[in-house]
């Protein structure tokens, strides 16, 4: 099919796809890539470049994403290129204080100035990033010993790597129930709220952070179960783990319990109302452990495509040059 004819067909389908993504609440600047995946899944029967998964890894998919980007720029103008890219919040400890991390979900690398740039979806800390780029301001790193500096870098790397992988795993999840897709969009809200509360170091808010982190794990287990049309209306993590194991998840409740610092779901409900209180050290420990648990579960959520450091070459819109 000639490129002009293909573009005409693709652009026609994008009208329908855009309505779907609008209905799902996807912001305009986040739609081009999702629209390309949806087109490939729903509108393409087969491709000449191996499987659809092979096609995603081929430069031809970059061209498809570029066409989608152009369509969105033509329809929505600058809204399709929102400058404040989505960032995930993270947390690291520095001299027994907490540092708020800002973790971009995408990176860009200019190839031809004012013409083309690579759009990168990193699943971990990228080689072009420095650990100091994830927080605002300057910290007196010279006050740290060699071991302390290495520990600080490790904490940042752990938060960045887990957060990015979890985000990609959730965004690329397929075969979920309607409830699963709805819960998927709320997981990170709980983590972000917990981070905000931990930063205050206030006892009541740190206790509430424990509840938020518990909810993130509970919902991730329910999202996993939704792939099998299994729904458990309960806060009982042990029951959810048991159900997940029954449908194939390699997970051990004793390990989850250790990650939750031996607290039960009854304890976390008490934290919600500050009837049971934990301090900021315990809350931060729960945060780090929660990332590990969320990553473990999300890695087992079915994804039709993988996006591990995928990069797409994007042309700058003529009107934006």
Protein backbone atom coordinates (compact mmCIF):
# COMPACT_ATOMS: atom_id res chain seq x y z
CA UNK A 1 0.00 0.00 0.00
CA UNK A 2 1.37 3.41 -0.97
CA UNK A 3 2.21 5.66 1.95
CA UNK A 4 -0.47 8.25 1.09
CA UNK A 5 -3.16 5.59 0.89
CA UNK A 6 -1.97 4.05 4.14
CA UNK A 7 -2.00 7.43 5.87
CA UNK A 8 -5.55 8.03 4.66
CA UNK A 9 -6.69 4.71 6.14
CA UNK A 10 -4.71 5.24 9.34
CA UNK A 11 -6.00 8.77 9.81
CA UNK A 12 -9.57 7.57 9.26
CA UNK A 13 -9.17 4.92 11.98
CA UNK A 14 -7.57 7.47 14.30
CA UNK A 15 -10.84 9.38 14.44
CA UNK A 16 -12.46 6.35 16.08
CA UNK A 17 -9.42 5.48 18.18
CA UNK A 18 -9.17 9.04 19.50
CA UNK A 19 -12.75 8.87 20.75
CA UNK A 20 -11.94 5.65 22.59
CA UNK A 21 -8.86 7.16 24.25
CA UNK A 22 -10.78 10.31 25.11
CA UNK A 23 -13.41 8.15 26.78
CA UNK A 24 -10.68 6.41 28.80
CA UNK A 25 -9.42 9.76 30.03
CA UNK A 26 -6.03 9.59 28.28
CA UNK A 27 -4.60 13.12 27.89
CA UNK A 28 -3.99 14.30 24.33
CA UNK A 29 -0.21 14.33 24.67
CA UNK A 30 -0.32 10.68 25.78
CA UNK A 31 -2.49 9.40 22.92
CA UNK A 32 -0.20 9.04 19.86
CA UNK A 33 1.67 6.00 21.15
CA UNK A 34 -1.42 4.39 22.69
CA UNK A 35 -3.31 5.04 19.45
CA UNK A 36 -0.57 3.31 17.45
CA UNK A 37 -0.75 0.23 19.66
CA UNK A 38 -4.55 0.18 19.50
CA UNK A 39 -4.48 0.48 15.70
CA UNK A 40 -2.00 -2.40 15.46
CA UNK A 41 -4.08 -4.57 17.79
CA UNK A 42 -7.57 -3.79 16.51
CA UNK A 43 -7.17 -2.85 12.86
CA UNK A 44 -4.21 -4.84 11.51
CA UNK A 45 -4.68 -8.54 10.82
CA UNK A 46 -1.06 -9.36 10.01
CA UNK A 47 2.19 -7.63 9.11
CA UNK A 48 4.92 -8.53 6.63
CA UNK A 49 7.64 -8.04 9.28
CA UNK A 50 7.18 -11.23 11.29
CA UNK A 51 4.74 -10.98 14.18
CA UNK A 52 3.10 -7.85 15.54
CA UNK A 53 5.59 -7.95 18.40
CA UNK A 54 8.42 -7.97 15.84
CA UNK A 55 6.78 -5.02 14.10
CA UNK A 56 6.80 -2.99 17.32
CA UNK A 57 10.58 -3.43 17.53
CA UNK A 58 11.06 -2.48 13.86
CA UNK A 59 11.72 1.05 12.63
CA UNK A 60 8.44 0.82 10.70
CA UNK A 61 6.55 1.15 13.99
CA UNK A 62 8.43 4.40 14.66
CA UNK A 63 7.04 5.67 11.35
CA UNK A 64 3.54 4.66 12.45
CA UNK A 65 3.96 6.54 15.73
CA UNK A 66 5.27 9.53 13.78
CA UNK A 67 2.14 9.56 11.60
CA UNK A 68 0.00 9.38 14.75
CA UNK A 69 1.93 12.26 16.30
CA UNK A 70 1.42 14.35 13.15
CA UNK A 71 -2.32 13.59 13.14
CA UNK A 72 -2.67 14.66 16.76
CA UNK A 73 -0.64 17.81 16.17
CA UNK A 74 -2.84 18.71 13.21
CA UNK A 75 -6.01 18.16 15.25
CA UNK A 76 -5.01 19.50 18.67
CA UNK A 77 -2.03 21.74 17.99
CA UNK A 78 0.26 22.34 20.96
CA UNK A 79 -1.90 20.17 23.24
CA UNK A 80 -0.30 17.17 21.55
CA UNK A 81 3.11 18.36 22.69
CA UNK A 82 2.47 19.31 26.27
CA UNK A 83 5.77 20.47 27.74
CA UNK A 84 5.29 19.19 31.27
CA UNK A 85 5.79 15.51 30.55
CA UNK A 86 4.34 13.03 32.96
CA UNK A 87 6.55 12.36 35.95
CA UNK A 88 6.32 9.79 38.68
CA UNK A 89 7.19 10.69 42.25
CA UNK A 90 9.81 8.78 44.17
CA UNK A 91 11.51 8.94 47.54
CA UNK A 92 15.09 8.57 48.78
CA UNK A 93 16.77 9.14 52.12
CA UNK A 94 19.62 11.62 52.59
CA UNK A 95 21.24 12.15 56.01
CA UNK A 96 18.09 10.72 57.66
CA UNK A 97 15.91 13.19 55.77
CA UNK A 98 13.72 12.53 52.73
CA UNK A 99 14.29 13.71 49.19
CA UNK A 100 11.39 13.93 46.75
CA UNK A 101 12.31 12.45 43.39
CA UNK A 102 10.77 13.42 40.06
CA UNK A 103 11.00 10.55 37.59
CA UNK A 104 10.20 11.32 33.93
CA UNK A 105 8.36 8.52 32.15
CA UNK A 106 9.89 9.53 28.81
CA UNK A 107 13.18 11.01 27.66
CA UNK A 108 14.08 12.82 24.47
CA UNK A 109 17.32 12.93 22.53
CA UNK A 110 17.73 15.30 19.61
CA UNK A 111 19.03 13.69 16.43
CA UNK A 112 18.75 16.55 13.93
CA UNK A 113 18.37 19.93 15.68
CA UNK A 114 14.96 21.49 15.11
CA UNK A 115 13.86 18.54 12.95
CA UNK A 116 13.90 15.12 14.62
CA UNK A 117 14.32 13.68 18.10
CA UNK A 118 14.19 10.26 19.68
CA UNK A 119 11.34 9.67 22.14
CA UNK A 120 12.57 7.09 24.67
CA UNK A 121 10.48 5.03 27.11
CA UNK A 122 13.05 3.93 29.71
CA UNK A 123 12.31 1.01 32.01
CA UNK A 124 15.20 1.93 34.32
CA UNK A 125 17.72 4.69 34.89
CA UNK A 126 18.99 5.60 31.42
CA UNK A 127 22.68 5.90 30.62
CA UNK A 128 22.21 9.58 29.71
CA UNK A 129 20.79 10.39 33.17
CA UNK A 130 22.64 11.32 36.36
CA UNK A 131 21.26 10.50 39.80
CA UNK A 132 21.36 14.22 40.69
CA UNK A 133 18.85 14.98 37.90
CA UNK A 134 16.00 13.35 39.81
CA UNK A 135 15.70 15.96 42.56
CA UNK A 136 15.54 19.74 42.71
CA UNK A 137 18.27 21.89 44.19
CA UNK A 138 21.68 20.87 45.39
CA UNK A 139 22.56 18.55 48.25
CA UNK A 140 25.88 18.63 50.16
CA UNK A 141 27.03 15.31 48.76
CA UNK A 142 30.55 16.07 49.98
CA UNK A 143 29.32 15.44 53.53
CA UNK A 144 28.72 11.79 52.69
CA UNK A 145 31.33 9.10 52.98
CA UNK A 146 32.03 6.95 49.93
CA UNK A 147 29.73 4.23 51.27
CA UNK A 148 26.98 6.69 52.18
CA UNK A 149 27.08 8.24 48.71
CA UNK A 150 26.87 4.79 47.14
CA UNK A 151 23.88 3.97 49.37
CA UNK A 152 22.13 7.23 48.37
CA UNK A 153 22.66 6.48 44.69
CA UNK A 154 21.35 2.94 45.22
CA UNK A 155 18.18 4.27 46.86
CA UNK A 156 17.55 6.63 43.96
CA UNK A 157 18.23 3.92 41.39
CA UNK A 158 15.87 1.50 43.17
CA UNK A 159 13.06 4.05 43.23
CA UNK A 160 13.60 5.07 39.58
CA UNK A 161 13.92 1.55 38.20
CA UNK A 162 10.95 0.10 40.09
CA UNK A 163 8.70 3.08 39.37
CA UNK A 164 9.39 3.08 35.63
CA UNK A 165 8.99 -0.67 35.26
CA UNK A 166 5.74 -0.73 37.23
CA UNK A 167 4.37 2.18 35.18
CA UNK A 168 5.22 0.49 31.87
CA UNK A 169 3.84 -2.86 33.02
CA UNK A 170 0.54 -1.26 33.98
CA UNK A 171 0.23 0.92 30.88
CA UNK A 172 0.87 -2.02 28.55
CA UNK A 173 -1.37 -4.46 30.43
CA UNK A 174 -3.81 -6.37 28.26
CA UNK A 175 -6.66 -8.80 28.87
CA UNK A 176 -7.85 -7.10 32.06
CA UNK A 177 -11.47 -6.90 33.11
CA UNK A 178 -13.21 -3.51 33.15
CA UNK A 179 -12.59 -3.38 36.90
CA UNK A 180 -8.93 -4.20 36.32
CA UNK A 181 -8.47 -1.37 33.82
CA UNK A 182 -10.22 1.03 36.19
CA UNK A 183 -8.00 0.05 39.14
CA UNK A 184 -4.87 0.25 36.99
CA UNK A 185 -5.21 4.02 36.79
CA UNK A 186 -5.34 4.39 40.59
CA UNK A 187 -2.30 2.37 41.68
CA UNK A 188 0.20 5.19 41.43
CA UNK A 189 -2.20 7.64 43.07
CA UNK A 190 -1.88 5.62 46.28
CA UNK A 191 1.92 5.58 46.03
CA UNK A 192 2.06 9.34 45.37
CA UNK A 193 -0.21 10.06 48.32
CA UNK A 194 1.96 7.89 50.57
CA UNK A 195 5.09 9.76 49.47
CA UNK A 196 3.46 13.12 50.22
CA UNK A 197 2.52 11.90 53.69
CA UNK A 198 5.94 10.43 54.47
CA UNK A 199 7.63 13.70 53.54
CA UNK A 200 5.79 15.42 56.41
CA UNK A 201 7.28 12.95 58.93
CA UNK A 202 4.11 13.47 60.98
CA UNK A 203 2.97 10.38 62.86
CA UNK A 204 -0.68 10.46 61.78
CA UNK A 205 0.18 11.08 58.12
CA UNK A 206 2.88 8.42 58.06
CA UNK A 207 0.30 5.98 59.41
CA UNK A 208 -2.06 7.00 56.60
CA UNK A 209 0.82 6.40 54.18
CA UNK A 210 0.91 2.80 55.37
CA UNK A 211 -2.75 2.42 54.43
CA UNK A 212 -2.16 3.91 50.96
CA UNK A 213 0.75 1.56 50.25
CA UNK A 214 -1.32 -1.39 51.45
CA UNK A 215 -4.09 -0.38 49.02
CA UNK A 216 -1.60 -0.23 46.15
CA UNK A 217 -0.56 -3.84 46.79
CA UNK A 218 -4.15 -4.97 47.30
CA UNK A 219 -5.25 -3.41 44.00
CA UNK A 220 -2.26 -4.78 42.10
CA UNK A 221 -3.21 -8.28 43.23
CA UNK A 222 -6.80 -7.65 42.14
CA UNK A 223 -5.59 -6.38 38.76
CA UNK A 224 -3.60 -9.59 38.33
CA UNK A 225 -6.66 -11.66 39.25
CA UNK A 226 -8.86 -9.69 36.83
CA UNK A 227 -6.98 -11.29 33.93
CA UNK A 228 -8.64 -14.54 34.94
CA UNK A 229 -12.06 -13.01 35.67
CA UNK A 230 -11.49 -13.62 39.37
CA UNK A 231 -12.78 -10.90 41.69
CA UNK A 232 -12.31 -10.85 45.44
CA UNK A 233 -14.15 -8.11 47.33
CA UNK A 234 -11.82 -8.13 50.33
CA UNK A 235 -8.89 -6.35 51.97
CA UNK A 236 -7.48 -9.72 53.08
CA UNK A 237 -4.05 -9.83 51.41
CA UNK A 238 -3.53 -13.47 52.39
CA UNK A 239 -6.77 -14.46 50.63
CA UNK A 240 -5.77 -12.45 47.55
CA UNK A 241 -2.30 -14.03 47.47
CA UNK A 242 -3.88 -17.48 47.80
CA UNK A 243 -6.24 -16.73 44.90
CA UNK A 244 -3.35 -15.40 42.80
CA UNK A 245 -1.29 -18.53 43.46
CA UNK A 246 -4.25 -20.65 42.39
CA UNK A 247 -4.17 -19.05 38.92
CA UNK A 248 -0.40 -19.24 38.50
CA UNK A 249 1.33 -16.35 40.28
CA UNK A 250 4.61 -17.44 41.87
CA UNK A 251 4.22 -15.54 45.13
CA UNK A 252 4.70 -16.41 48.79
CA UNK A 253 2.51 -14.87 51.49
CA UNK A 254 5.25 -15.12 54.12
CA UNK A 255 7.47 -12.93 51.95
CA UNK A 256 4.64 -10.45 51.41
CA UNK A 257 4.01 -10.37 55.15
CA UNK A 258 7.68 -9.56 55.78
CA UNK A 259 7.47 -6.78 53.19
CA UNK A 260 4.48 -5.41 55.10
CA UNK A 261 6.56 -5.49 58.31
CA UNK A 262 4.38 -8.30 59.70
CA UNK A 263 1.31 -6.05 59.81
CA UNK A 264 -2.05 -7.63 58.94
CA UNK A 265 -4.77 -6.05 56.85
CA UNK A 266 -6.62 -5.33 60.10
CA UNK A 267 -3.59 -3.31 61.21
CA UNK A 268 -3.56 -1.30 58.00
CA UNK A 269 -7.25 -0.49 58.39
CA UNK A 270 -6.37 0.90 61.83
CA UNK A 271 -3.57 2.96 60.25
CA UNK A 272 -6.16 4.49 57.95
CA UNK A 273 -7.82 6.08 60.96
CA UNK A 274 -4.55 6.62 62.88
CA UNK A 275 -5.72 4.13 65.50
CA UNK A 276 -2.42 2.34 64.88
CA UNK A 277 0.52 4.64 64.28
CA UNK A 278 3.83 4.10 62.53
CA UNK A 279 6.70 6.56 62.25
CA UNK A 280 8.38 7.88 59.11
CA UNK A 281 11.15 5.26 59.26
CA UNK A 282 8.63 2.43 59.15
CA UNK A 283 6.60 4.20 56.47
CA UNK A 284 9.69 4.66 54.30
CA UNK A 285 10.59 1.00 54.73
CA UNK A 286 7.06 0.10 53.67
CA UNK A 287 7.44 2.36 50.62
CA UNK A 288 10.61 0.61 49.45
CA UNK A 289 9.15 -2.84 50.08
CA UNK A 290 5.91 -1.92 48.36
CA UNK A 291 7.78 -1.02 45.17
CA UNK A 292 9.37 -4.48 45.17
CA UNK A 293 6.01 -6.20 45.67
CA UNK A 294 4.26 -4.08 43.02
CA UNK A 295 7.06 -4.85 40.57
CA UNK A 296 6.89 -8.58 41.26
CA UNK A 297 3.16 -8.72 40.61
CA UNK A 298 3.12 -6.31 37.65
CA UNK A 299 5.85 -8.29 35.88
CA UNK A 300 3.35 -11.17 35.75
CA UNK A 301 0.50 -9.12 34.29
CA UNK A 302 -0.07 -10.09 30.67
CA UNK A 303 1.29 -7.61 28.14
CA UNK A 304 0.95 -8.06 24.41
CA UNK A 305 4.04 -5.94 23.80
CA UNK A 306 7.21 -5.13 25.72
CA UNK A 307 8.57 -1.58 25.94
CA UNK A 308 12.01 -1.96 27.48
CA UNK A 309 13.87 1.26 26.63
CA UNK A 310 11.97 1.48 23.35
CA UNK A 311 12.78 4.56 21.27
CA UNK A 312 10.85 6.24 18.44
CA UNK A 313 12.17 8.84 16.03
CA UNK A 314 9.72 11.75 15.94
CA UNK A 315 9.65 14.58 13.41
CA UNK A 316 8.95 18.06 14.71
CA UNK A 317 5.72 19.56 13.40
CA UNK A 318 6.31 22.21 10.69
CA UNK A 319 4.31 24.84 12.61
CA UNK A 320 6.36 24.19 15.77
CA UNK A 321 9.75 24.79 14.18
